[in-house]
Each structure stands twice: as structure tokens, then as C-alpha cells.
């Protein structure tokens, strides 16, 4: 997932992008917080341009094992783009915090995700 121009951008579900629970959860939490979410094709050129001009502020992976994992650098060919440090990655860190608080019972689960066993 990427934060580009303040929007959360993620590839649409396809044969290579799984419709996973964690992915769906992060998208749901983002929309609930009023963050604009776009599920669409993302080009390498678009990401490189955003990294060059500073409009790409965050990149992170989501998944069952990873939950939310920050990406600090993006490399392409002989280019290496360093993204903002973790203190300015407010969208991804905020979503990860919200998810963990719900998972650990520290926040109200308004979505009905947790089941008491």
C-alpha cells in the first residue's frame, strides 16, 4: 500500500493480489477515519514520480504475518529512494495502532471482528 498525495492507494484484488482479511481490515479502518482509499492499478512510473517529488510519503505491506510493515526504501534499476522516517508516517502507523488496539481489546470493536472464545 502507498500513501500518495494524502490518499491510501492499493492495488485492486487480482490473481496476484489476495483479497486478504488484513488488507480488507486496513482499508475499512482507513475509510472509517475519513482517509480516501483508491483500489486500482498502480504503475511503477507513478510511484517513482511520487518518490522523486515527495508526494509519495508512505509505503507499507499488509498481510496476516506482516500485519503492517513499513517500507523505508524503494529501489528501481540503479535508483534508490528513501521514504520519510517512521515519525512522519502517520497514516500507516495510525492504522496499525488502531488494528492492534482492537485486536488486543484496548479499543471498542465497532466492526464485530473479535469473537470471545
Protein backbone atom coordinates (compact mmCIF):
# COMPACT_ATOMS: atom_id res chain seq x y z
CA UNK A 1 0.00 0.00 0.00
CA UNK A 2 1.11 3.55 -0.67
CA UNK A 3 0.18 6.98 0.60
CA UNK A 4 0.32 9.24 -2.43
CA UNK A 5 -0.95 12.82 -2.30
CA UNK A 6 -2.56 12.01 1.07
CA UNK A 7 -4.61 9.11 -0.36
CA UNK A 8 -4.21 5.46 0.52
CA UNK A 9 -3.56 3.68 -2.77
CA UNK A 10 -3.61 -0.10 -3.06
CA UNK A 11 -3.66 -2.47 -5.96
CA UNK A 12 -7.05 -3.93 -6.77
CA UNK A 13 -7.67 -7.59 -5.94
CA UNK A 14 -6.47 -9.82 -8.76
CA UNK A 15 -4.81 -13.17 -9.39
CA UNK A 16 -1.66 -11.83 -7.70
CA UNK A 17 -3.24 -9.53 -5.07
CA UNK A 18 -5.10 -11.56 -2.47
CA UNK A 19 -8.38 -10.40 -1.02
CA UNK A 20 -6.98 -10.93 2.48
CA UNK A 21 -8.56 -10.19 5.83
CA UNK A 22 -5.75 -7.85 6.94
CA UNK A 23 -5.88 -5.92 3.66
CA UNK A 24 -9.64 -5.52 3.98
CA UNK A 25 -9.32 -4.52 7.64
CA UNK A 26 -6.79 -1.78 6.90
CA UNK A 27 -8.97 -0.43 4.07
CA UNK A 28 -12.02 -0.47 6.36
CA UNK A 29 -10.16 1.33 9.16
CA UNK A 30 -8.81 3.93 6.72
CA UNK A 31 -12.25 4.70 5.30
CA UNK A 32 -13.67 4.87 8.83
CA UNK A 33 -11.04 7.51 9.68
CA UNK A 34 -12.01 9.55 6.60
CA UNK A 35 -8.90 8.65 4.61
CA UNK A 36 -9.58 8.47 0.89
CA UNK A 37 -8.83 4.98 -0.44
CA UNK A 38 -8.25 4.05 -4.07
CA UNK A 39 -8.12 0.39 -5.14
CA UNK A 40 -6.66 0.41 -8.64
CA UNK A 41 -3.72 -0.41 -10.85
CA UNK A 42 -0.55 1.35 -9.69
CA UNK A 43 2.30 1.95 -12.11
CA UNK A 44 5.98 1.90 -11.30
CA UNK A 45 6.27 5.28 -13.03
CA UNK A 46 3.64 6.75 -10.70
CA UNK A 47 5.46 5.50 -7.59
CA UNK A 48 8.86 6.69 -8.85
CA UNK A 49 7.46 10.13 -9.68
CA UNK A 50 5.88 10.35 -6.21
CA UNK A 51 9.17 9.32 -4.59
CA UNK A 52 11.04 11.94 -6.61
CA UNK A 53 8.66 14.85 -5.99
CA UNK A 54 7.78 13.97 -2.37
CA UNK A 55 4.09 13.19 -2.94
CA UNK A 56 4.76 9.54 -2.01
CA UNK A 57 5.03 9.78 1.76
CA UNK A 58 4.47 6.18 2.89
CA UNK A 59 4.75 2.65 1.61
CA UNK A 60 3.88 -0.44 3.62
CA UNK A 61 2.96 -4.08 3.29
CA UNK A 62 -0.10 -5.64 4.91
CA UNK A 63 -0.88 -9.26 5.50
CA UNK A 64 -1.58 -11.95 8.03
CA UNK A 65 2.05 -12.45 9.04
CA UNK A 66 3.22 -8.89 8.42
CA UNK A 67 0.16 -7.08 9.80
CA UNK A 68 1.54 -3.63 8.82
CA UNK A 69 5.21 -3.47 7.86
CA UNK A 70 6.88 -0.20 6.87
CA UNK A 71 8.91 0.10 3.67
CA UNK A 72 11.78 2.54 4.14
CA UNK A 73 13.30 2.48 0.66
CA UNK A 74 12.18 1.75 -2.86
CA UNK A 75 14.73 0.73 -5.44
CA UNK A 76 14.33 0.61 -9.18
CA UNK A 77 17.23 -0.01 -11.55
CA UNK A 78 20.14 2.00 -10.19
CA UNK A 79 17.87 4.43 -8.30
CA UNK A 80 17.18 4.20 -4.56
CA UNK A 81 14.52 6.37 -2.96
CA UNK A 82 14.43 6.75 0.81
CA UNK A 83 10.98 7.43 2.16
CA UNK A 84 10.15 9.58 5.17
CA UNK A 85 11.25 8.34 8.56
CA UNK A 86 8.79 6.48 10.74
CA UNK A 87 7.91 9.57 12.81
CA UNK A 88 6.14 11.15 9.82
CA UNK A 89 4.31 8.03 8.63
CA UNK A 90 1.11 8.94 10.38
CA UNK A 91 -1.39 7.05 8.23
CA UNK A 92 0.22 3.60 8.32
CA UNK A 93 1.30 3.83 11.95
CA UNK A 94 -2.13 5.11 12.97
CA UNK A 95 -3.91 2.29 11.15
CA UNK A 96 -1.57 -0.30 12.68
CA UNK A 97 -2.19 1.16 16.13
CA UNK A 98 -5.96 1.12 15.64
CA UNK A 99 -5.87 -2.50 14.44
CA UNK A 100 -3.70 -3.66 17.34
CA UNK A 101 -5.87 -1.88 19.90
CA UNK A 102 -8.98 -3.61 18.53
CA UNK A 103 -7.20 -6.98 18.39
CA UNK A 104 -6.00 -6.63 21.98
CA UNK A 105 -9.32 -5.43 23.38
CA UNK A 106 -7.98 -1.94 24.14
CA UNK A 107 -10.46 -0.26 21.80
CA UNK A 108 -14.10 -0.95 21.10
CA UNK A 109 -14.57 -3.33 18.19
CA UNK A 110 -17.31 -1.47 16.30
CA UNK A 111 -16.90 -3.82 13.32
CA UNK A 112 -17.61 -7.15 15.04
CA UNK A 113 -14.21 -8.63 14.16
CA UNK A 114 -13.36 -10.13 17.56
CA UNK A 115 -15.01 -13.26 18.89
CA UNK A 116 -14.80 -14.24 22.55
CA UNK A 117 -13.87 -17.90 22.89
